[in-house]
Amino acid sequence: MKKKWWIVIVLILLELVVCGGILLSLWAGRTAFEGVHFFYHADAQVEETVEETFVVDGPTILDLETAAGNVTVTGGGTGNEVQVIARLSLWGEDEEDARRQLEVKTTQEGNRITVRVVRPEWNYAFPYTRASRVDFEVRVPTETSLRLVSASGDLVASRVTGTVELETNSGDVWAEGLDGLVSAQSSSGDITLTSLNNAGDLEVKTVSGDLMLRDVIADSLTARSSSGRVQVEGVALDGGLDLENTSGDVTAVIVRATSCRLASVSGDLTLDGGSGPLNLRTYAGAIEVRNGTEAELMLGTTSGEIRFSGSLDTQEGHRVESTSGDVRLVLPADTAFDLDIKTDSGDIQTDFAVTMTDFDRKHVTGEVNGGGPLLQINTSSGDIALERMTSESD
């Protein structure tokens, strides 16, 4: 029996020795899991700046990707140089280890400049420790196309003519004074675009963040946000405007477009301007359209008021629906249409003379100014008002 106990004791001691060796290896940052450091202490910082200049002789392309860091690109130069300034902030266990954390690689093929930030495969730490990063400042000739990508960092681009692609997983995007095709995307961050010309079929998307676009000339505009505000101001489009938000308000003012679609699951919709098909739908929020011109109305909300002021398309029909909320339409006095309005719980008021075909307190059908395209208005719970436009109308 005593011999068996000695064997057990020896086995326990051996197990303790093995466990101690494993813990020592982990503490030293060496594990059997290639590419992972456990208990890694990045306490030493190295900061340095690297500058490179490239000579070009025509339209330029800058292709830059970084894992972590902000990127700012400024055009407007009349010269033939691309100046790249990289500001490195490196963390490691010591200075030598810090300098191994990442590397900036640049190449030039003709007028194409490629910049990449390379990280060693083993640079992953558990638990989380300070991360190394590179911030870029780049000056380019005006006639430059850009592709800027950051896994974590802000992107800024200004004063270039050419195609511009901006993408970051976590960070804001800001661009101004661009002349050419543009696309912008962020998984988590705000996007602000101002003074864009010839932007083509412009697409802007953020999963979590605000979208702001101002003074944009493009073929069409599509903007998406899952959580945040969507705001558009001073947009001139040859095609359609399409704005969608899952949770947040959508606002578009001073808009010229052939069609407008605004949608939100939870948020108010506001449109100032716009002509042609106006398709605005929200499940929980109010809808307001001001200064519509020859508009074809497709307005709907589950919970909220609907207000429209402007002129209606004289060819197509119109449908306005609110499950719970008032509806108010302000139209020119000479607007001609067939009328079909109904409320289950509310009052109906109209400034227009209606030639009745059917009438009761909750349902009115008939013709206004000799009739025209059908105007249908329904609300389950709310009042309906049709008003003639005056100089004092909202």
Protein backbone atom coordinates (compact mmCIF):
# COMPACT_ATOMS: atom_id res chain seq x y z
CA MET A 1 0.00 0.00 0.00
CA LYS A 2 2.84 2.40 0.90
CA LYS A 3 4.47 1.72 -2.47
CA LYS A 4 1.27 2.79 -4.26
CA TRP A 5 1.22 6.07 -2.30
CA TRP A 6 4.81 6.80 -3.30
CA ILE A 7 3.87 6.29 -6.95
CA VAL A 8 0.93 8.72 -6.59
CA ILE A 9 3.17 11.32 -4.94
CA VAL A 10 5.78 11.03 -7.69
CA LEU A 11 3.14 11.41 -10.37
CA ILE A 12 1.75 14.51 -8.67
CA LEU A 13 5.24 16.04 -8.45
CA LEU A 14 5.87 15.33 -12.13
CA GLU A 15 2.54 16.94 -13.03
CA LEU A 16 3.42 20.04 -11.02
CA VAL A 17 6.78 20.30 -12.79
CA VAL A 18 5.11 20.01 -16.21
CA CYS A 19 2.47 22.61 -15.32
CA GLY A 20 5.15 24.94 -14.01
CA GLY A 21 7.09 24.61 -17.24
CA ILE A 22 4.00 25.39 -19.28
CA LEU A 23 3.24 28.46 -17.20
CA LEU A 24 6.83 29.63 -17.51
CA SER A 25 6.66 29.26 -21.27
CA LEU A 26 3.39 31.15 -21.42
CA TRP A 27 4.82 33.94 -19.31
CA ALA A 28 7.78 34.19 -21.63
CA GLY A 29 5.44 34.57 -24.59
CA ARG A 30 6.25 31.23 -26.19
CA THR A 31 3.41 28.78 -26.64
CA ALA A 32 2.59 25.76 -28.72
CA PHE A 33 0.03 27.95 -30.53
CA GLU A 34 2.01 29.53 -33.33
CA GLY A 35 1.11 33.18 -33.78
CA VAL A 36 -0.23 33.76 -30.25
CA HIS A 37 1.45 35.37 -27.24
CA PHE A 38 -0.01 34.78 -23.80
CA PHE A 39 0.75 37.22 -20.97
CA TYR A 40 2.52 39.46 -23.49
CA HIS A 41 3.63 42.79 -22.00
CA ALA A 42 4.08 45.55 -24.60
CA ASP A 43 5.52 48.22 -22.33
CA ALA A 44 8.18 49.71 -24.64
CA GLN A 45 7.17 52.29 -27.24
CA VAL A 46 9.08 53.40 -30.32
CA GLU A 47 7.93 56.38 -32.39
CA GLU A 48 9.44 57.24 -35.73
CA THR A 49 8.58 59.01 -38.97
CA VAL A 50 9.35 57.63 -42.43
CA GLU A 51 9.11 59.82 -45.54
CA GLU A 52 9.21 58.77 -49.19
CA THR A 53 8.74 60.75 -52.40
CA PHE A 54 7.72 59.26 -55.74
CA VAL A 55 7.96 61.00 -59.11
CA VAL A 56 5.05 60.56 -61.54
CA ASP A 57 4.39 61.90 -65.02
CA GLY A 58 0.61 61.65 -65.50
CA PRO A 59 -2.68 60.58 -63.88
CA THR A 60 -1.71 58.85 -60.63
CA ILE A 61 -3.15 55.95 -58.63
CA LEU A 62 -2.58 55.64 -54.88
CA ASP A 63 -3.48 52.26 -53.36
CA LEU A 64 -2.99 52.27 -49.58
CA GLU A 65 -3.98 49.68 -46.97
CA THR A 66 -3.23 49.77 -43.26
CA ALA A 67 -4.30 47.54 -40.39
CA ALA A 68 -4.55 50.30 -37.80
CA GLY A 69 -4.14 54.01 -38.26
CA ASN A 70 -5.57 57.17 -39.78
CA VAL A 71 -5.01 58.10 -43.42
CA THR A 72 -5.15 61.66 -44.74
CA VAL A 73 -4.67 62.32 -48.46
CA THR A 74 -4.60 65.86 -49.83
CA GLY A 75 -4.56 66.76 -53.50
CA GLY A 76 -4.38 70.08 -55.24
CA GLY A 77 -0.72 70.04 -56.08
CA THR A 78 0.44 70.98 -59.56
CA GLY A 79 3.72 69.10 -59.36
CA ASN A 80 4.64 65.58 -60.33
CA GLU A 81 5.40 64.13 -56.92
CA VAL A 82 3.65 61.90 -54.41
CA GLN A 83 4.88 62.47 -50.87
CA VAL A 84 4.13 59.75 -48.30
CA ILE A 85 4.71 60.45 -44.62
CA ALA A 86 4.24 57.48 -42.26
CA ARG A 87 4.17 58.10 -38.51
CA LEU A 88 4.78 54.83 -36.69
CA SER A 89 3.80 54.19 -33.09
CA LEU A 90 5.22 50.77 -32.17
CA TRP A 91 4.78 48.79 -28.96
CA GLY A 92 6.71 45.74 -27.80
CA GLU A 93 8.38 44.10 -24.84
CA ASP A 94 11.50 46.12 -25.63
CA GLU A 95 12.68 48.46 -28.40
CA GLU A 96 13.89 45.64 -30.61
CA ASP A 97 10.62 43.75 -30.22
CA ALA A 98 8.62 46.93 -30.92
CA ARG A 99 10.41 47.51 -34.22
CA ARG A 100 9.44 44.01 -35.33
CA GLN A 101 5.72 44.63 -34.86
CA LEU A 102 5.03 46.01 -38.32
CA GLU A 103 6.64 47.27 -41.49
CA VAL A 104 5.64 49.82 -44.13
CA LYS A 105 6.23 48.59 -47.68
CA THR A 106 5.91 50.84 -50.72
CA THR A 107 6.22 50.04 -54.41
CA GLN A 108 5.91 52.03 -57.62
CA GLU A 109 4.89 50.70 -61.01
CA GLY A 110 4.67 53.55 -63.48
CA ASN A 111 2.26 56.07 -61.97
CA ARG A 112 0.76 53.57 -59.52
CA ILE A 113 1.92 53.84 -55.91
CA THR A 114 1.13 50.95 -53.58
CA VAL A 115 1.50 51.22 -49.79
CA ARG A 116 0.98 48.32 -47.40
CA VAL A 117 1.43 47.89 -43.65
CA VAL A 118 2.66 44.36 -42.96
CA ARG A 119 2.35 42.67 -39.57
CA PRO A 120 4.17 39.45 -38.59
CA GLU A 121 1.84 36.46 -38.36
CA TRP A 122 2.76 35.90 -34.73
CA ASN A 123 1.70 39.35 -33.58
CA TYR A 124 -1.40 38.41 -31.58
CA ALA A 125 -1.53 38.81 -27.85
CA PHE A 126 -3.74 37.48 -25.07
CA PRO A 127 -4.92 39.21 -23.03
CA TYR A 128 -5.25 42.40 -25.15
CA THR A 129 -2.24 44.69 -25.05
CA ARG A 130 -1.22 47.98 -26.66
CA ALA A 131 -1.40 47.83 -30.45
CA SER A 132 1.08 49.30 -32.87
CA ARG A 133 -0.23 51.61 -35.59
CA VAL A 134 0.80 53.77 -38.52
CA ASP A 135 -0.79 57.11 -39.40
CA PHE A 136 -0.31 58.38 -42.95
CA GLU A 137 -0.21 61.86 -44.42
CA VAL A 138 0.00 61.83 -48.21
CA ARG A 139 0.17 64.67 -50.73
CA VAL A 140 -0.70 63.89 -54.32
CA PRO A 141 -1.22 65.73 -57.62
CA THR A 142 -4.79 66.83 -58.32
CA GLU A 143 -5.27 64.20 -61.03
CA THR A 144 -5.10 61.18 -58.73
CA SER A 145 -7.35 58.17 -58.10
CA LEU A 146 -7.46 56.80 -54.56
CA ARG A 147 -8.09 53.47 -52.89
CA LEU A 148 -7.79 53.87 -49.12
CA VAL A 149 -8.48 50.97 -46.73
CA SER A 150 -8.02 50.84 -42.95
CA ALA A 151 -9.10 48.07 -40.61
CA SER A 152 -9.24 50.58 -37.76
CA GLY A 153 -8.80 54.27 -38.38
CA ASP A 154 -10.23 57.41 -39.95
CA LEU A 155 -9.95 58.17 -43.66
CA VAL A 156 -9.72 61.71 -45.07
CA ALA A 157 -9.50 62.63 -48.77
CA SER A 158 -9.72 66.02 -50.45
CA ARG A 159 -9.13 67.91 -53.68
CA VAL A 160 -8.50 65.15 -56.20
CA THR A 161 -10.01 64.29 -59.57
CA GLY A 162 -10.32 60.59 -60.21
CA THR A 163 -12.04 57.51 -58.83
CA VAL A 164 -12.05 57.43 -55.01
CA GLU A 165 -12.75 54.32 -52.88
CA LEU A 166 -12.79 54.76 -49.10
CA GLU A 167 -13.30 51.83 -46.72
CA THR A 168 -12.71 51.39 -43.00
CA ASN A 169 -14.03 48.77 -40.58
CA SER A 170 -13.88 51.04 -37.56
CA GLY A 171 -13.47 54.76 -38.10
CA ASP A 172 -14.91 57.88 -39.69
CA VAL A 173 -14.75 58.79 -43.37
CA TRP A 174 -14.48 62.42 -44.49
CA ALA A 175 -14.10 63.67 -48.04
CA GLU A 176 -14.34 67.10 -49.65
CA GLY A 177 -13.77 68.64 -53.06
CA LEU A 178 -13.70 65.43 -55.10
CA ASP A 179 -14.37 65.32 -58.84
CA GLY A 180 -14.97 61.77 -60.02
CA LEU A 181 -16.61 58.47 -59.07
CA VAL A 182 -16.85 57.96 -55.29
CA SER A 183 -17.73 55.11 -52.93
CA ALA A 184 -17.48 55.25 -49.14
CA GLN A 185 -18.04 52.59 -46.49
CA SER A 186 -17.55 52.17 -42.74
CA SER A 187 -18.66 49.33 -40.51
CA SER A 188 -18.63 51.56 -37.45
CA GLY A 189 -18.23 55.29 -37.94
CA ASP A 190 -19.64 58.47 -39.43
CA ILE A 191 -19.34 59.36 -43.11
CA THR A 192 -19.25 63.00 -44.23
CA LEU A 193 -19.02 63.92 -47.92
CA THR A 194 -19.16 67.51 -49.16
CA SER A 195 -18.65 69.28 -52.47
CA LEU A 196 -18.61 66.26 -54.77
CA ASN A 197 -18.82 66.65 -58.55
CA ASN A 198 -19.38 63.99 -61.22
CA ALA A 199 -19.68 61.38 -58.48
CA GLY A 200 -21.42 58.86 -60.75
CA ASP A 201 -23.65 56.29 -59.06
CA LEU A 202 -22.64 57.28 -55.55
CA GLU A 203 -22.94 54.60 -52.83
CA VAL A 204 -22.41 55.33 -49.15
CA LYS A 205 -22.82 52.82 -46.33
CA THR A 206 -22.22 52.58 -42.60
CA VAL A 207 -23.46 49.91 -40.21
CA SER A 208 -23.33 52.14 -37.16
CA GLY A 209 -22.90 55.87 -37.65
CA ASP A 210 -24.26 59.06 -39.15
CA LEU A 211 -24.26 59.88 -42.86
CA MET A 212 -23.95 63.50 -43.97
CA LEU A 213 -23.80 64.50 -47.65
CA ARG A 214 -23.81 68.12 -48.77
CA ASP A 215 -23.48 69.79 -52.19
CA VAL A 216 -23.32 66.66 -54.31
CA ILE A 217 -23.66 66.35 -58.10
CA ALA A 218 -24.01 62.74 -59.22
CA ASP A 219 -25.91 60.35 -61.47
CA SER A 220 -27.66 58.76 -58.49
CA LEU A 221 -27.24 58.44 -54.73
CA THR A 222 -27.74 55.39 -52.53
CA ALA A 223 -27.06 55.71 -48.78
CA ARG A 224 -27.55 53.13 -46.03
CA SER A 225 -27.18 53.22 -42.25
CA SER A 226 -28.31 50.63 -39.71
CA SER A 227 -28.05 52.96 -36.74
CA GLY A 228 -27.60 56.71 -36.98
CA ARG A 229 -28.86 59.78 -38.80
CA VAL A 230 -28.97 60.08 -42.57
CA GLN A 231 -28.87 63.68 -43.78
CA VAL A 232 -28.59 64.96 -47.35
CA GLU A 233 -28.52 68.61 -48.36
CA GLY A 234 -28.10 70.31 -51.71
CA VAL A 235 -28.10 67.26 -53.98
CA ALA A 236 -28.50 67.41 -57.78
CA LEU A 237 -28.99 64.00 -59.39
CA ASP A 238 -29.65 62.90 -62.96
CA GLY A 239 -31.31 59.78 -61.52
CA GLY A 240 -32.83 58.64 -58.25
CA LEU A 241 -32.23 59.30 -54.56
CA ASP A 242 -32.41 56.22 -52.29
CA LEU A 243 -31.90 56.69 -48.54
CA GLU A 244 -32.49 53.95 -45.96
CA ASN A 245 -31.99 53.75 -42.21
CA THR A 246 -32.89 50.94 -39.83
CA SER A 247 -32.96 53.02 -36.66
CA GLY A 248 -32.81 56.78 -37.04
CA ASP A 249 -34.16 59.79 -38.90
CA VAL A 250 -33.72 60.41 -42.62
CA THR A 251 -33.63 64.01 -43.89
CA ALA A 252 -33.14 65.28 -47.44
CA VAL A 253 -33.39 69.00 -48.23
CA ILE A 254 -32.87 71.00 -51.42
CA VAL A 255 -33.11 67.90 -53.56
CA ARG A 256 -33.28 67.59 -57.34
CA ALA A 257 -33.83 64.01 -58.46
CA THR A 258 -36.02 62.04 -60.85
CA SER A 259 -37.33 59.94 -57.94
CA CYS A 260 -36.93 59.80 -54.17
CA ARG A 261 -37.10 56.82 -51.82
CA LEU A 262 -36.71 57.36 -48.07
CA ALA A 263 -37.18 54.49 -45.62
CA SER A 264 -36.70 53.83 -41.92
CA VAL A 265 -37.88 51.16 -39.54
CA SER A 266 -37.83 53.56 -36.62
CA GLY A 267 -37.38 57.24 -37.42
CA ASP A 268 -38.89 60.33 -39.00
CA LEU A 269 -38.64 61.02 -42.72
CA THR A 270 -38.28 64.58 -44.04
CA LEU A 271 -38.00 65.58 -47.70
CA ASP A 272 -37.72 69.16 -48.96
CA GLY A 273 -37.94 69.24 -52.74
CA GLY A 274 -38.14 66.29 -55.06
CA SER A 275 -40.32 65.42 -58.03
CA GLY A 276 -41.62 62.32 -59.74
CA PRO A 277 -42.20 59.18 -57.63
CA LEU A 278 -41.85 59.97 -53.91
CA ASN A 279 -41.78 56.72 -51.94
CA LEU A 280 -41.46 57.39 -48.20
CA ARG A 281 -42.17 54.63 -45.68
CA THR A 282 -41.49 54.23 -41.98
CA TYR A 283 -42.95 51.91 -39.37
CA ALA A 284 -42.58 54.21 -36.39
CA GLY A 285 -42.18 57.87 -37.26
CA ALA A 286 -43.63 60.90 -38.97
CA ILE A 287 -43.40 61.77 -42.68
CA GLU A 288 -43.13 65.32 -43.99
CA VAL A 289 -42.67 66.39 -47.62
CA ARG A 290 -42.26 70.09 -48.45
CA ASN A 291 -42.09 71.81 -51.84
CA GLY A 292 -42.86 68.71 -53.86
CA THR A 293 -43.13 69.30 -57.61
CA GLU A 294 -45.36 67.14 -59.85
CA ALA A 295 -44.99 64.43 -57.23
CA GLU A 296 -46.36 60.91 -57.41
CA LEU A 297 -47.14 60.09 -53.79
CA MET A 298 -46.48 56.75 -52.12
CA LEU A 299 -46.41 57.69 -48.43
CA GLY A 300 -46.95 55.27 -45.56
CA THR A 301 -46.35 54.98 -41.82
CA THR A 302 -47.63 52.63 -39.16
CA SER A 303 -47.41 55.16 -36.36
CA GLY A 304 -47.02 58.86 -37.10
CA GLU A 305 -48.37 61.90 -38.91
CA ILE A 306 -48.07 62.48 -42.65
CA ARG A 307 -47.78 65.97 -44.13
CA PHE A 308 -47.35 66.96 -47.76
CA SER A 309 -47.22 70.34 -49.46
CA GLY A 310 -46.64 70.81 -53.18
CA SER A 311 -48.06 69.88 -56.57
CA LEU A 312 -49.13 66.43 -57.70
CA ASP A 313 -48.30 64.50 -60.84
CA THR A 314 -51.24 64.85 -63.24
CA GLN A 315 -50.89 61.37 -64.78
CA GLU A 316 -50.16 58.86 -62.01
CA GLY A 317 -52.25 57.93 -58.99
CA HIS A 318 -51.35 58.67 -55.37
CA ARG A 319 -51.62 56.65 -52.13
CA VAL A 320 -51.18 57.98 -48.59
CA GLU A 321 -51.63 55.67 -45.57
CA SER A 322 -51.19 55.97 -41.82
CA THR A 323 -52.32 53.30 -39.37
CA SER A 324 -52.21 55.69 -36.43
CA GLY A 325 -51.76 59.37 -37.18
CA ASP A 326 -53.21 62.43 -38.87
CA VAL A 327 -52.82 63.15 -42.60
CA ARG A 328 -52.59 66.70 -43.97
CA LEU A 329 -52.14 67.58 -47.65
CA VAL A 330 -51.71 71.16 -48.88
CA LEU A 331 -52.25 71.42 -52.65
CA PRO A 332 -52.61 74.18 -55.27
CA ALA A 333 -56.21 75.35 -55.62
CA ASP A 334 -56.48 74.17 -59.25
CA THR A 335 -55.31 70.59 -58.56
CA ALA A 336 -57.60 68.13 -60.35
CA PHE A 337 -58.00 64.59 -59.03
CA ASP A 338 -60.40 61.80 -58.17
CA LEU A 339 -60.74 61.49 -54.41
CA ASP A 340 -61.07 58.44 -52.16
CA ILE A 341 -60.42 59.19 -48.47
CA LYS A 342 -61.28 57.08 -45.45
CA THR A 343 -60.70 57.15 -41.69
CA ASP A 344 -61.95 54.56 -39.23
CA SER A 345 -61.58 56.83 -36.24
CA GLY A 346 -61.19 60.52 -37.04
CA ASP A 347 -62.62 63.50 -38.92
CA ILE A 348 -62.40 64.46 -42.61
CA GLN A 349 -61.99 68.11 -43.60
CA THR A 350 -61.44 69.58 -47.08
CA ASP A 351 -61.10 73.08 -48.52
CA PHE A 352 -61.81 71.72 -52.00
CA ALA A 353 -65.25 71.50 -53.55
CA VAL A 354 -65.95 67.81 -54.11
CA THR A 355 -68.47 66.42 -56.57
CA MET A 356 -69.56 63.49 -54.44
CA THR A 357 -70.05 59.97 -55.73
CA ASP A 358 -70.24 58.51 -52.23
CA PHE A 359 -70.25 60.16 -48.83
CA ASP A 360 -70.49 59.37 -45.17
CA ARG A 361 -68.76 60.77 -42.12
CA LYS A 362 -65.79 58.41 -42.43
CA HIS A 363 -65.54 57.85 -46.19
CA VAL A 364 -65.65 60.31 -49.08
CA THR A 365 -65.29 59.63 -52.82
CA GLY A 366 -65.74 62.06 -55.66
CA GLU A 367 -64.10 64.46 -58.12
CA VAL A 368 -62.17 67.67 -57.52
CA ASN A 369 -61.84 70.28 -60.28
CA GLY A 370 -63.33 67.89 -62.83
CA GLY A 371 -61.36 64.84 -61.72
CA GLY A 372 -58.01 63.36 -62.63
CA PRO A 373 -55.59 60.75 -61.21
CA LEU A 374 -56.84 58.95 -58.12
CA LEU A 375 -55.78 60.29 -54.71
CA GLN A 376 -56.31 57.65 -52.00
CA ILE A 377 -55.89 58.59 -48.34
CA ASN A 378 -56.46 56.10 -45.50
CA THR A 379 -55.91 56.24 -41.78
CA SER A 380 -57.20 53.83 -39.17
CA SER A 381 -56.90 56.31 -36.33
CA GLY A 382 -56.48 59.97 -37.18
CA ASP A 383 -57.90 63.02 -38.91
CA ILE A 384 -57.57 63.79 -42.62
CA ALA A 385 -57.31 67.37 -43.92
CA LEU A 386 -57.11 68.62 -47.53
CA GLU A 387 -56.14 72.29 -47.73
CA ARG A 388 -55.76 74.77 -50.56
CA MET A 389 -52.29 76.25 -50.85
CA THR A 390 -51.87 79.89 -49.92
CA SER A 391 -48.87 82.18 -49.52
CA GLU A 392 -48.95 81.38 -45.81
CA SER A 393 -49.19 77.58 -46.19
CA ASP A 394 -46.50 75.48 -44.55
